[in-house]
PDB file of all heavy atoms in Angstrom:
ATOM      1  N   GLY A   1       6.173 -59.148 -28.105  1.00  0.00           N
ATOM      2  CA  GLY A   1       7.400 -59.867 -27.777  1.00  0.00           C
ATOM      3  C   GLY A   1       8.480 -59.629 -28.811  1.00  0.00           C
ATOM      4  O   GLY A   1       9.663 -59.507 -28.485  1.00  0.00           O
ATOM      5  N   GLN A   2       8.091 -59.545 -30.089  1.00  0.00           N
ATOM      6  CA  GLN A   2       9.058 -59.245 -31.142  1.00  0.00           C
ATOM      7  C   GLN A   2       9.657 -57.858 -30.925  1.00  0.00           C
ATOM      8  O   GLN A   2      10.864 -57.667 -31.094  1.00  0.00           O
ATOM      9  CB  GLN A   2       8.387 -59.308 -32.516  1.00  0.00           C
ATOM     10  CG  GLN A   2       8.049 -60.705 -32.947  1.00  0.00           C
ATOM     11  CD  GLN A   2       7.410 -60.709 -34.313  1.00  0.00           C
ATOM     12  OE1 GLN A   2       7.928 -60.107 -35.239  1.00  0.00           O
ATOM     13  NE2 GLN A   2       6.279 -61.388 -34.443  1.00  0.00           N
ATOM     14  N   GLU A   3       8.821 -56.914 -30.543  1.00  0.00           N
ATOM     15  CA  GLU A   3       9.321 -55.563 -30.280  1.00  0.00           C
ATOM     16  C   GLU A   3      10.298 -55.553 -29.103  1.00  0.00           C
ATOM     17  O   GLU A   3      11.344 -54.917 -29.172  1.00  0.00           O
ATOM     18  CB  GLU A   3       8.173 -54.606 -30.003  1.00  0.00           C
ATOM     19  CG  GLU A   3       7.439 -54.191 -31.236  1.00  0.00           C
ATOM     20  CD  GLU A   3       6.438 -53.104 -30.961  1.00  0.00           C
ATOM     21  OE1 GLU A   3       5.915 -53.015 -29.825  1.00  0.00           O
ATOM     22  OE2 GLU A   3       6.178 -52.315 -31.885  1.00  0.00           O
ATOM     23  N   ARG A   4       9.938 -56.242 -28.016  1.00  0.00           N
ATOM     24  CA  ARG A   4      10.831 -56.301 -26.844  1.00  0.00           C
ATOM     25  C   ARG A   4      12.175 -56.906 -27.227  1.00  0.00           C
ATOM     26  O   ARG A   4      13.232 -56.390 -26.853  1.00  0.00           O
ATOM     27  CB  ARG A   4      10.201 -57.115 -25.719  1.00  0.00           C
ATOM     28  CG  ARG A   4       9.207 -56.387 -24.877  1.00  0.00           C
ATOM     29  CD  ARG A   4       8.815 -57.177 -23.625  1.00  0.00           C
ATOM     30  NE  ARG A   4       8.316 -58.509 -23.927  1.00  0.00           N
ATOM     31  CZ  ARG A   4       7.059 -58.783 -24.269  1.00  0.00           C
ATOM     32  NH1 ARG A   4       6.173 -57.822 -24.373  1.00  0.00           N
ATOM     33  NH2 ARG A   4       6.695 -60.018 -24.510  1.00  0.00           N
ATOM     34  N   PHE A   5      12.141 -57.995 -27.978  1.00  0.00           N
ATOM     35  CA  PHE A   5      13.372 -58.666 -28.388  1.00  0.00           C
ATOM     36  C   PHE A   5      14.193 -57.765 -29.311  1.00  0.00           C
ATOM     37  O   PHE A   5      15.385 -57.554 -29.102  1.00  0.00           O
ATOM     38  CB  PHE A   5      13.041 -59.991 -29.079  1.00  0.00           C
ATOM     39  CG  PHE A   5      14.234 -60.732 -29.579  1.00  0.00           C
ATOM     40  CD1 PHE A   5      15.146 -61.273 -28.694  1.00  0.00           C
ATOM     41  CD2 PHE A   5      14.449 -60.895 -30.933  1.00  0.00           C
ATOM     42  CE1 PHE A   5      16.267 -61.964 -29.156  1.00  0.00           C
ATOM     43  CE2 PHE A   5      15.548 -61.581 -31.405  1.00  0.00           C
ATOM     44  CZ  PHE A   5      16.461 -62.112 -30.511  1.00  0.00           C
ATOM     45  N   ALA A   6      13.567 -57.206 -30.323  1.00  0.00           N
ATOM     46  CA  ALA A   6      14.272 -56.363 -31.290  1.00  0.00           C
ATOM     47  C   ALA A   6      14.858 -55.114 -30.640  1.00  0.00           C
ATOM     48  O   ALA A   6      15.940 -54.652 -31.025  1.00  0.00           O
ATOM     49  CB  ALA A   6      13.331 -55.974 -32.425  1.00  0.00           C
ATOM     50  N   ALA A   7      14.189 -54.576 -29.637  1.00  0.00           N
ATOM     51  CA  ALA A   7      14.675 -53.371 -28.957  1.00  0.00           C
ATOM     52  C   ALA A   7      15.999 -53.615 -28.233  1.00  0.00           C
ATOM     53  O   ALA A   7      16.737 -52.664 -27.957  1.00  0.00           O
ATOM     54  CB  ALA A   7      13.618 -52.854 -27.981  1.00  0.00           C
ATOM     55  N   ARG A   8      16.334 -54.869 -27.957  1.00  0.00           N
ATOM     56  CA  ARG A   8      17.622 -55.186 -27.327  1.00  0.00           C
ATOM     57  C   ARG A   8      18.789 -54.937 -28.290  1.00  0.00           C
ATOM     58  O   ARG A   8      19.938 -54.894 -27.891  1.00  0.00           O
ATOM     59  CB  ARG A   8      17.664 -56.651 -26.866  1.00  0.00           C
ATOM     60  CG  ARG A   8      16.660 -57.065 -25.823  1.00  0.00           C
ATOM     61  CD  ARG A   8      16.894 -56.487 -24.443  1.00  0.00           C
ATOM     62  NE  ARG A   8      18.181 -56.721 -23.872  1.00  0.00           N
ATOM     63  CZ  ARG A   8      18.511 -57.722 -23.060  1.00  0.00           C
ATOM     64  NH1 ARG A   8      17.625 -58.622 -22.744  1.00  0.00           N
ATOM     65  NH2 ARG A   8      19.733 -57.818 -22.578  1.00  0.00           N
ATOM     66  N   PHE A   9      18.473 -54.744 -29.586  1.00  0.00           N
ATOM     67  CA  PHE A   9      19.509 -54.538 -30.598  1.00  0.00           C
ATOM     68  C   PHE A   9      19.608 -53.086 -31.052  1.00  0.00           C
ATOM     69  O   PHE A   9      20.484 -52.745 -31.830  1.00  0.00           O
ATOM     70  CB  PHE A   9      19.249 -55.446 -31.803  1.00  0.00           C
ATOM     71  CG  PHE A   9      19.356 -56.903 -31.457  1.00  0.00           C
ATOM     72  CD1 PHE A   9      18.272 -57.595 -30.965  1.00  0.00           C
ATOM     73  CD2 PHE A   9      20.564 -57.556 -31.573  1.00  0.00           C
ATOM     74  CE1 PHE A   9      18.376 -58.928 -30.618  1.00  0.00           C
ATOM     75  CE2 PHE A   9      20.686 -58.894 -31.224  1.00  0.00           C
ATOM     76  CZ  PHE A   9      19.585 -59.575 -30.749  1.00  0.00           C
ATOM     77  N   GLY A  10      18.703 -52.239 -30.589  1.00  0.00           N
ATOM     78  CA  GLY A  10      18.750 -50.826 -30.961  1.00  0.00           C
ATOM     79  C   GLY A  10      17.363 -50.239 -31.100  1.00  0.00           C
ATOM     80  O   GLY A  10      16.353 -50.901 -30.842  1.00  0.00           O
ATOM     81  N   SER A  11      17.311 -49.000 -31.503  1.00  0.00           N
ATOM     82  CA  SER A  11      16.037 -48.298 -31.667  1.00  0.00           C
ATOM     83  C   SER A  11      15.212 -48.930 -32.779  1.00  0.00           C
ATOM     84  O   SER A  11      15.749 -49.314 -33.822  1.00  0.00           O
ATOM     85  CB  SER A  11      16.284 -46.833 -32.004  1.00  0.00           C
ATOM     86  OG  SER A  11      16.988 -46.216 -30.959  1.00  0.00           O
ATOM     87  N   LEU A  12      13.915 -48.996 -32.558  1.00  0.00           N
ATOM     88  CA  LEU A  12      13.016 -49.574 -33.548  1.00  0.00           C
ATOM     89  C   LEU A  12      12.511 -48.499 -34.501  1.00  0.00           C
ATOM     90  O   LEU A  12      12.378 -47.337 -34.127  1.00  0.00           O
ATOM     91  CB  LEU A  12      11.825 -50.234 -32.857  1.00  0.00           C
ATOM     92  CG  LEU A  12      12.158 -51.358 -31.874  1.00  0.00           C
ATOM     93  CD1 LEU A  12      10.883 -51.925 -31.286  1.00  0.00           C
ATOM     94  CD2 LEU A  12      12.978 -52.441 -32.529  1.00  0.00           C
ATOM     95  N   THR A  13      12.236 -48.909 -35.712  1.00  0.00           N
ATOM     96  CA  THR A  13      11.669 -48.030 -36.732  1.00  0.00           C
ATOM     97  C   THR A  13      10.327 -48.616 -37.167  1.00  0.00           C
ATOM     98  O   THR A  13       9.955 -49.714 -36.746  1.00  0.00           O
ATOM     99  CB  THR A  13      12.599 -47.922 -37.948  1.00  0.00           C
ATOM    100  OG1 THR A  13      12.749 -49.221 -38.530  1.00  0.00           O
ATOM    101  CG2 THR A  13      13.966 -47.377 -37.550  1.00  0.00           C
ATOM    102  N   ALA A  14       9.643 -47.908 -38.043  1.00  0.00           N
ATOM    103  CA  ALA A  14       8.403 -48.449 -38.595  1.00  0.00           C
ATOM    104  C   ALA A  14       8.715 -49.735 -39.350  1.00  0.00           C
ATOM    105  O   ALA A  14       9.790 -49.882 -39.933  1.00  0.00           O
ATOM    106  CB  ALA A  14       7.750 -47.432 -39.522  1.00  0.00           C
ATOM    107  N   ALA A  15       7.768 -50.653 -39.360  1.00  0.00           N
ATOM    108  CA  ALA A  15       7.979 -51.948 -40.007  1.00  0.00           C
ATOM    109  C   ALA A  15       8.233 -51.807 -41.497  1.00  0.00           C
ATOM    110  O   ALA A  15       9.028 -52.535 -42.072  1.00  0.00           O
ATOM    111  CB  ALA A  15       6.771 -52.845 -39.769  1.00  0.00           C
ATOM    112  N   HIS A  16       7.554 -50.868 -42.125  1.00  0.00           N
ATOM    113  CA  HIS A  16       7.673 -50.676 -43.569  1.00  0.00           C
ATOM    114  C   HIS A  16       7.322 -49.228 -43.860  1.00  0.00           C
ATOM    115  O   HIS A  16       6.433 -48.667 -43.225  1.00  0.00           O
ATOM    116  CB  HIS A  16       6.718 -51.633 -44.290  1.00  0.00           C
ATOM    117  CG  HIS A  16       6.923 -51.691 -45.758  1.00  0.00           C
ATOM    118  ND1 HIS A  16       6.421 -50.752 -46.621  1.00  0.00           N
ATOM    119  CD2 HIS A  16       7.581 -52.587 -46.530  1.00  0.00           C
ATOM    120  CE1 HIS A  16       6.744 -51.060 -47.858  1.00  0.00           C
ATOM    121  NE2 HIS A  16       7.461 -52.178 -47.830  1.00  0.00           N
ATOM    122  N   PRO A  17       7.987 -48.609 -44.822  1.00  0.00           N
ATOM    123  CA  PRO A  17       7.719 -47.187 -45.069  1.00  0.00           C
ATOM    124  C   PRO A  17       6.342 -46.883 -45.655  1.00  0.00           C
ATOM    125  O   PRO A  17       5.827 -45.789 -45.468  1.00  0.00           O
ATOM    126  CB  PRO A  17       8.825 -46.774 -46.039  1.00  0.00           C
ATOM    127  CG  PRO A  17       9.307 -48.036 -46.651  1.00  0.00           C
ATOM    128  CD  PRO A  17       9.078 -49.119 -45.639  1.00  0.00           C
ATOM    129  N   THR A  18       5.713 -47.845 -46.348  1.00  0.00           N
ATOM    130  CA  THR A  18       4.424 -47.550 -46.975  1.00  0.00           C
ATOM    131  C   THR A  18       3.299 -48.501 -46.575  1.00  0.00           C
ATOM    132  O   THR A  18       2.139 -48.211 -46.827  1.00  0.00           O
ATOM    133  CB  THR A  18       4.537 -47.583 -48.514  1.00  0.00           C
ATOM    134  OG1 THR A  18       4.929 -48.902 -48.918  1.00  0.00           O
ATOM    135  CG2 THR A  18       5.543 -46.566 -49.003  1.00  0.00           C
ATOM    136  N   VAL A  19       3.623 -49.634 -45.964  1.00  0.00           N
ATOM    137  CA  VAL A  19       2.608 -50.605 -45.560  1.00  0.00           C
ATOM    138  C   VAL A  19       2.488 -50.554 -44.038  1.00  0.00           C
ATOM    139  O   VAL A  19       3.472 -50.742 -43.336  1.00  0.00           O
ATOM    140  CB  VAL A  19       2.994 -52.043 -46.005  1.00  0.00           C
ATOM    141  CG1 VAL A  19       1.935 -53.041 -45.571  1.00  0.00           C
ATOM    142  CG2 VAL A  19       3.210 -52.096 -47.512  1.00  0.00           C
ATOM    143  N   PRO A  20       1.276 -50.262 -43.529  1.00  0.00           N
ATOM    144  CA  PRO A  20       1.136 -50.180 -42.076  1.00  0.00           C
ATOM    145  C   PRO A  20       1.351 -51.532 -41.409  1.00  0.00           C
ATOM    146  O   PRO A  20       1.064 -52.576 -41.983  1.00  0.00           O
ATOM    147  CB  PRO A  20      -0.299 -49.691 -41.883  1.00  0.00           C
ATOM    148  CG  PRO A  20      -1.005 -50.002 -43.155  1.00  0.00           C
ATOM    149  CD  PRO A  20       0.035 -50.025 -44.236  1.00  0.00           C
ATOM    150  N   GLY A  21       1.877 -51.481 -40.180  1.00  0.00           N
ATOM    151  CA  GLY A  21       2.091 -52.693 -39.401  1.00  0.00           C
ATOM    152  C   GLY A  21       0.771 -53.271 -38.918  1.00  0.00           C
ATOM    153  O   GLY A  21      -0.297 -52.693 -39.122  1.00  0.00           O
ATOM    154  N   GLY A  22       0.858 -54.409 -38.263  1.00  0.00           N
ATOM    155  CA  GLY A  22      -0.338 -55.071 -37.746  1.00  0.00           C
ATOM    156  C   GLY A  22      -0.674 -54.583 -36.353  1.00  0.00           C
ATOM    157  O   GLY A  22      -1.114 -53.450 -36.170  1.00  0.00           O
ATOM    158  N   GLU A  23      -0.430 -55.427 -35.357  1.00  0.00           N
ATOM    159  CA  GLU A  23      -0.737 -55.083 -33.969  1.00  0.00           C
ATOM    160  C   GLU A  23       0.069 -53.884 -33.494  1.00  0.00           C
ATOM    161  O   GLU A  23      -0.380 -53.134 -32.647  1.00  0.00           O
ATOM    162  CB  GLU A  23      -0.433 -56.270 -33.053  1.00  0.00           C
ATOM    163  CG  GLU A  23      -1.300 -57.480 -33.266  1.00  0.00           C
ATOM    164  CD  GLU A  23      -0.866 -58.623 -32.369  1.00  0.00           C
ATOM    165  OE1 GLU A  23      -0.513 -58.378 -31.196  1.00  0.00           O
ATOM    166  OE2 GLU A  23      -0.865 -59.767 -32.850  1.00  0.00           O
ATOM    167  N   THR A  24       1.267 -53.743 -34.006  1.00  0.00           N
ATOM    168  CA  THR A  24       2.151 -52.653 -33.604  1.00  0.00           C
ATOM    169  C   THR A  24       2.790 -52.050 -34.852  1.00  0.00           C
ATOM    170  O   THR A  24       2.962 -52.732 -35.852  1.00  0.00           O
ATOM    171  CB  THR A  24       3.270 -53.164 -32.672  1.00  0.00           C
ATOM    172  OG1 THR A  24       4.055 -54.094 -33.388  1.00  0.00           O
ATOM    173  CG2 THR A  24       2.716 -53.817 -31.415  1.00  0.00           C
ATOM    174  N   PRO A  25       3.145 -50.781 -34.820  1.00  0.00           N
ATOM    175  CA  PRO A  25       3.716 -50.155 -36.018  1.00  0.00           C
ATOM    176  C   PRO A  25       5.111 -50.651 -36.379  1.00  0.00           C
ATOM    177  O   PRO A  25       5.559 -50.459 -37.497  1.00  0.00           O
ATOM    178  CB  PRO A  25       3.741 -48.668 -35.678  1.00  0.00           C
ATOM    179  CG  PRO A  25       3.560 -48.567 -34.217  1.00  0.00           C
ATOM    180  CD  PRO A  25       2.925 -49.829 -33.743  1.00  0.00           C
ATOM    181  N   GLN A  26       5.799 -51.329 -35.453  1.00  0.00           N
ATOM    182  CA  GLN A  26       7.154 -51.802 -35.730  1.00  0.00           C
ATOM    183  C   GLN A  26       7.202 -53.233 -36.237  1.00  0.00           C
ATOM    184  O   GLN A  26       8.263 -53.731 -36.585  1.00  0.00           O
ATOM    185  CB  GLN A  26       8.036 -51.698 -34.469  1.00  0.00           C
ATOM    186  CG  GLN A  26       8.378 -50.290 -34.080  1.00  0.00           C
ATOM    187  CD  GLN A  26       7.267 -49.605 -33.317  1.00  0.00           C
ATOM    188  OE1 GLN A  26       6.422 -50.246 -32.723  1.00  0.00           O
ATOM    189  NE2 GLN A  26       7.257 -48.282 -33.339  1.00  0.00           N
ATOM    190  N   VAL A  27       6.061 -53.923 -36.295  1.00  0.00           N
ATOM    191  CA  VAL A  27       6.038 -55.322 -36.718  1.00  0.00           C
ATOM    192  C   VAL A  27       5.067 -55.466 -37.884  1.00  0.00           C
ATOM    193  O   VAL A  27       3.904 -55.103 -37.786  1.00  0.00           O
ATOM    194  CB  VAL A  27       5.608 -56.257 -35.563  1.00  0.00           C
ATOM    195  CG1 VAL A  27       5.509 -57.703 -36.045  1.00  0.00           C
ATOM    196  CG2 VAL A  27       6.587 -56.150 -34.403  1.00  0.00           C
ATOM    197  N   LEU A  28       5.563 -55.988 -38.995  1.00  0.00           N
ATOM    198  CA  LEU A  28       4.734 -56.222 -40.173  1.00  0.00           C
ATOM    199  C   LEU A  28       4.583 -57.722 -40.361  1.00  0.00           C
ATOM    200  O   LEU A  28       5.566 -58.443 -40.554  1.00  0.00           O
ATOM    201  CB  LEU A  28       5.393 -55.609 -41.417  1.00  0.00           C
ATOM    202  CG  LEU A  28       4.678 -55.858 -42.740  1.00  0.00           C
ATOM    203  CD1 LEU A  28       3.309 -55.187 -42.753  1.00  0.00           C
ATOM    204  CD2 LEU A  28       5.523 -55.349 -43.896  1.00  0.00           C
ATOM    205  N   ASP A  29       3.356 -58.197 -40.280  1.00  0.00           N
ATOM    206  CA  ASP A  29       3.093 -59.608 -40.534  1.00  0.00           C
ATOM    207  C   ASP A  29       3.234 -59.862 -42.027  1.00  0.00           C
ATOM    208  O   ASP A  29       2.536 -59.257 -42.833  1.00  0.00           O
ATOM    209  CB  ASP A  29       1.677 -59.984 -40.095  1.00  0.00           C
ATOM    210  CG  ASP A  29       1.480 -59.889 -38.593  1.00  0.00           C
ATOM    211  OD1 ASP A  29       2.453 -60.164 -37.861  1.00  0.00           O
ATOM    212  OD2 ASP A  29       0.377 -59.534 -38.160  1.00  0.00           O
ATOM    213  N   VAL A  30       4.149 -60.735 -42.397  1.00  0.00           N
ATOM    214  CA  VAL A  30       4.313 -61.120 -43.793  1.00  0.00           C
ATOM    215  C   VAL A  30       3.627 -62.472 -43.921  1.00  0.00           C
ATOM    216  O   VAL A  30       4.210 -63.513 -43.685  1.00  0.00           O
ATOM    217  CB  VAL A  30       5.805 -61.186 -44.191  1.00  0.00           C
ATOM    218  CG1 VAL A  30       5.949 -61.574 -45.647  1.00  0.00           C
ATOM    219  CG2 VAL A  30       6.475 -59.856 -43.920  1.00  0.00           C
ATOM    220  N   ASP A  31       2.339 -62.406 -44.251  1.00  0.00           N
ATOM    221  CA  ASP A  31       1.486 -63.576 -44.206  1.00  0.00           C
ATOM    222  C   ASP A  31       0.538 -63.544 -45.397  1.00  0.00           C
ATOM    223  O   ASP A  31      -0.236 -62.595 -45.554  1.00  0.00           O
ATOM    224  CB  ASP A  31       0.705 -63.560 -42.894  1.00  0.00           C
ATOM    225  CG  ASP A  31      -0.163 -64.776 -42.688  1.00  0.00           C
ATOM    226  OD1 ASP A  31      -0.361 -65.559 -43.633  1.00  0.00           O
ATOM    227  OD2 ASP A  31      -0.649 -64.948 -41.559  1.00  0.00           O
TER     228      ASP A  31
END
């Protein structure tokens, strides 16, 4: 859902250049 929402604002990039994302590569859980 975060990806769908964010895509309404433009192209998505990797969540972080050196830390892999969680469920999806464009979303990084900061937890």
